[in-house]
Amino acid sequence: MIRQAGEHALLVETGSLEVSHRLDALLRASRPPGVAEIVPGPETVLVSAPGADLSRLRPLLSRLLDTARVPVAEALAPGTTVTVPVVYDGADLDGVAALTGLSTAEVVERHTGRELVAGWLGFAPGFAYLTGLDPALHVPRLTTPRTSVPAGAVAIAGPYSAVYPSASPGGWRLLGRSPLTVWDVSADPPALLTPGTRVRFEAIAAP
């Protein structure tokens, strides 16, 4: 289903993250005239097009959605893999170990042992929700969020992991810190971890 979202945007309901990623890739590969912004979500893609006739854009989006629902279109999805180096000395590492019944070494092993995928961006510019976290590490957010989490903090909450792109309040549990810059306003695109990007965490020693 495609819904109007304000005066200049359409919200495409995709039904799954995989279809959102494929539709996002199709739109970016051949951006329709007038489309200014494409924002994929877990089960939607928001298409902002202040320079387009939405009555003409709607059938085009409908056709692209049909294409995106065909798994063969997976080849169009972003395929970049980013390795994120992490010093695993986070303030919540011991707490996560206690919650999961694992040792701290096992927590690190499970966090680095899977390839995750950037599902969508939200919360703050460049903040990528990384999907595919080992189920053994699914722990709740902190009861009381921190007033400040430093940029580069690597954290988990529920079924997701993330790298904080900038200093901000946050309630996710901190496993460690990364020297990697994931948000740079001078870069194109400014977010390193765009939707569909594959992510692997790698343990490194403290400098």
Protein backbone atom coordinates (compact mmCIF):
# COMPACT_ATOMS: atom_id res chain seq x y z
CA MET A 1 0.00 0.00 0.00
CA ILE A 2 1.14 3.53 -0.74
CA ARG A 3 -0.07 6.34 1.50
CA GLN A 4 0.25 10.10 1.22
CA ALA A 5 2.54 11.54 3.91
CA GLY A 6 2.02 15.29 4.10
CA GLU A 7 1.87 17.46 1.00
CA HIS A 8 5.05 16.31 -0.73
CA ALA A 9 5.77 12.70 0.25
CA LEU A 10 4.53 9.14 -0.17
CA LEU A 11 4.95 6.32 2.33
CA VAL A 12 5.37 2.90 0.72
CA GLU A 13 4.45 -0.01 2.97
CA THR A 14 6.83 -2.83 2.04
CA GLY A 15 6.01 -5.40 4.69
CA SER A 16 9.61 -6.36 5.42
CA LEU A 17 13.08 -4.94 5.89
CA GLU A 18 14.41 -6.94 2.93
CA VAL A 19 11.86 -5.43 0.55
CA SER A 20 12.55 -1.97 2.00
CA HIS A 21 16.23 -2.41 1.18
CA ARG A 22 15.52 -3.60 -2.36
CA LEU A 23 13.11 -0.74 -3.05
CA ASP A 24 15.59 1.75 -1.60
CA ALA A 25 18.29 0.37 -3.92
CA LEU A 26 16.00 0.55 -6.96
CA LEU A 27 15.08 4.15 -6.24
CA ARG A 28 18.69 5.20 -5.69
CA ALA A 29 19.86 3.41 -8.83
CA SER A 30 17.40 5.41 -10.92
CA ARG A 31 16.06 8.27 -8.85
CA PRO A 32 12.72 9.53 -10.22
CA PRO A 33 12.61 13.23 -11.14
CA GLY A 34 11.63 15.44 -8.23
CA VAL A 35 12.52 12.94 -5.50
CA ALA A 36 14.60 14.71 -2.86
CA GLU A 37 14.90 12.11 -0.11
CA ILE A 38 14.47 8.34 0.30
CA VAL A 39 14.18 7.03 3.86
CA PRO A 40 13.91 3.24 4.31
CA GLY A 41 12.47 1.81 7.52
CA PRO A 42 11.78 -1.67 8.91
CA GLU A 43 8.62 -2.11 6.80
CA THR A 44 8.28 1.18 4.91
CA VAL A 45 10.10 3.53 2.56
CA LEU A 46 9.33 7.24 2.77
CA VAL A 47 9.79 9.06 -0.54
CA SER A 48 9.92 12.83 -0.24
CA ALA A 49 9.33 14.50 -3.60
CA PRO A 50 8.53 18.22 -3.34
CA GLY A 51 9.43 18.62 -7.02
CA ALA A 52 7.23 15.82 -8.36
CA ASP A 53 3.60 15.23 -9.26
CA LEU A 54 2.63 12.63 -6.67
CA SER A 55 -0.23 11.34 -8.80
CA ARG A 56 2.37 10.30 -11.40
CA LEU A 57 4.94 9.13 -8.87
CA ARG A 58 2.51 6.79 -7.13
CA PRO A 59 2.12 4.27 -10.02
CA LEU A 60 5.88 4.29 -10.58
CA LEU A 61 6.45 3.44 -6.92
CA SER A 62 3.84 0.71 -7.18
CA ARG A 63 5.70 -0.90 -10.10
CA LEU A 64 9.04 -0.64 -8.32
CA LEU A 65 7.52 -2.17 -5.19
CA ASP A 66 6.35 -5.16 -7.25
CA THR A 67 9.92 -5.54 -8.55
CA ALA A 68 11.39 -5.20 -5.06
CA ARG A 69 9.19 -8.02 -3.81
CA VAL A 70 10.91 -10.45 -6.18
CA PRO A 71 13.95 -11.95 -4.37
CA VAL A 72 16.07 -11.89 -7.56
CA ALA A 73 16.27 -8.12 -7.09
CA GLU A 74 18.51 -8.80 -4.10
CA ALA A 75 21.47 -8.19 -6.40
CA LEU A 76 20.45 -4.54 -6.48
CA ALA A 77 20.72 -4.15 -2.72
CA PRO A 78 23.73 -2.41 -1.19
CA GLY A 79 26.48 -4.92 -0.55
CA THR A 80 29.25 -2.95 1.16
CA THR A 81 30.86 -4.63 4.16
CA VAL A 82 32.36 -2.47 6.90
CA THR A 83 34.62 -3.82 9.63
CA VAL A 84 34.20 -1.91 12.90
CA PRO A 85 37.18 -2.21 15.27
CA VAL A 86 36.14 -2.23 18.93
CA VAL A 87 37.95 -1.97 22.24
CA TYR A 88 35.67 -4.08 24.43
CA ASP A 89 35.91 -2.23 27.73
CA GLY A 90 32.39 -0.80 27.93
CA ALA A 91 30.75 0.17 31.20
CA ASP A 92 28.01 -2.44 30.71
CA LEU A 93 30.10 -5.37 29.50
CA ASP A 94 30.09 -7.11 32.89
CA GLY A 95 26.37 -6.40 33.31
CA VAL A 96 25.56 -7.92 29.91
CA ALA A 97 27.58 -10.99 30.86
CA ALA A 98 25.58 -11.31 34.08
CA LEU A 99 22.25 -10.88 32.29
CA THR A 100 23.05 -13.45 29.63
CA GLY A 101 24.86 -15.99 31.77
CA LEU A 102 27.93 -15.69 29.57
CA SER A 103 31.48 -14.72 30.44
CA THR A 104 32.70 -11.34 29.17
CA ALA A 105 34.91 -13.19 26.68
CA GLU A 106 31.87 -15.08 25.39
CA VAL A 107 29.91 -11.84 25.03
CA VAL A 108 32.71 -10.43 22.87
CA GLU A 109 32.96 -13.67 20.90
CA ARG A 110 29.23 -13.64 20.12
CA HIS A 111 29.23 -9.93 19.24
CA THR A 112 32.12 -10.37 16.79
CA GLY A 113 30.99 -13.75 15.49
CA ARG A 114 28.16 -12.61 13.23
CA GLU A 115 27.73 -10.36 10.24
CA LEU A 116 25.09 -7.74 11.01
CA VAL A 117 23.14 -5.59 8.56
CA ALA A 118 22.26 -1.90 8.89
CA GLY A 119 18.48 -1.98 8.82
CA TRP A 120 17.63 1.72 8.92
CA LEU A 121 18.78 5.03 10.38
CA GLY A 122 16.98 6.71 13.26
CA PHE A 123 17.25 8.31 16.70
CA ALA A 124 20.11 10.57 15.58
CA PRO A 125 21.84 11.39 12.26
CA GLY A 126 23.98 8.42 11.28
CA PHE A 127 22.61 6.11 13.99
CA ALA A 128 22.19 2.75 12.25
CA TYR A 129 20.08 0.01 13.78
CA LEU A 130 22.15 -3.11 13.12
CA THR A 131 20.07 -6.26 12.74
CA GLY A 132 21.11 -9.89 13.09
CA LEU A 133 22.50 -9.73 16.64
CA ASP A 134 23.08 -13.12 18.26
CA PRO A 135 19.88 -13.93 20.23
CA ALA A 136 21.99 -14.74 23.29
CA LEU A 137 22.84 -11.02 23.48
CA HIS A 138 19.26 -9.73 23.39
CA VAL A 139 19.14 -7.70 26.60
CA PRO A 140 16.82 -4.85 27.62
CA ARG A 141 17.73 -1.19 27.53
CA LEU A 142 18.95 0.44 30.72
CA THR A 143 16.16 1.34 33.14
CA THR A 144 17.60 4.86 33.39
CA PRO A 145 19.30 6.17 30.22
CA ARG A 146 22.65 7.89 30.47
CA THR A 147 22.62 11.65 29.96
CA SER A 148 25.65 11.37 27.69
CA VAL A 149 27.14 8.55 25.62
CA PRO A 150 30.35 9.36 23.72
CA ALA A 151 30.67 9.16 19.96
CA GLY A 152 32.01 5.77 18.90
CA ALA A 153 30.39 3.87 21.75
CA VAL A 154 29.36 0.36 20.67
CA ALA A 155 26.17 -0.81 22.28
CA ILE A 156 23.33 -3.33 22.23
CA ALA A 157 19.64 -3.21 23.17
CA GLY A 158 16.98 -5.78 22.39
CA PRO A 159 17.74 -7.43 19.02
CA TYR A 160 19.96 -4.57 17.79
CA SER A 161 23.50 -3.29 18.02
CA ALA A 162 24.76 0.20 17.12
CA VAL A 163 27.71 2.55 17.02
CA TYR A 164 26.84 5.95 18.45
CA PRO A 165 27.65 8.46 15.68
CA SER A 166 27.94 11.44 18.04
CA ALA A 167 27.74 12.23 21.73
CA SER A 168 24.15 11.99 22.90
CA PRO A 169 21.93 10.65 25.67
CA GLY A 170 21.33 6.92 25.36
CA GLY A 171 19.87 3.91 27.10
CA TRP A 172 21.63 1.10 25.24
CA ARG A 173 24.14 -1.11 27.04
CA LEU A 174 27.74 -0.20 26.25
CA LEU A 175 30.06 -3.04 25.24
CA GLY A 176 33.00 -0.96 24.08
CA ARG A 177 34.24 1.87 21.89
CA SER A 178 35.39 2.21 18.30
CA PRO A 179 37.83 4.71 16.77
CA LEU A 180 35.88 4.50 13.51
CA THR A 181 33.97 7.63 12.45
CA VAL A 182 30.49 6.61 11.33
CA TRP A 183 29.07 10.12 10.82
CA ASP A 184 30.95 12.83 8.88
CA VAL A 185 29.00 15.78 7.50
CA SER A 186 31.78 16.44 4.97
CA ALA A 187 31.49 12.94 3.47
CA ASP A 188 29.09 11.78 0.75
CA PRO A 189 27.06 10.14 2.11
CA PRO A 190 27.72 11.47 5.62
CA ALA A 191 26.60 8.18 7.22
CA LEU A 192 29.11 5.33 6.88
CA LEU A 193 26.57 2.66 7.81
CA THR A 194 23.79 3.16 5.29
CA PRO A 195 20.79 0.79 5.06
CA GLY A 196 21.86 -2.57 3.66
CA THR A 197 25.50 -2.21 4.70
CA ARG A 198 26.93 -5.38 6.20
CA VAL A 199 28.85 -4.89 9.44
CA ARG A 200 31.39 -7.02 11.24
CA PHE A 201 32.77 -6.09 14.64
CA GLU A 202 36.42 -6.86 15.35
CA ALA A 203 38.03 -6.84 18.80
CA ILE A 204 41.19 -4.74 19.11
CA ALA A 205 43.50 -3.89 21.97
CA ALA A 206 43.25 -0.55 23.73
CA PRO A 207 45.69 1.99 22.27
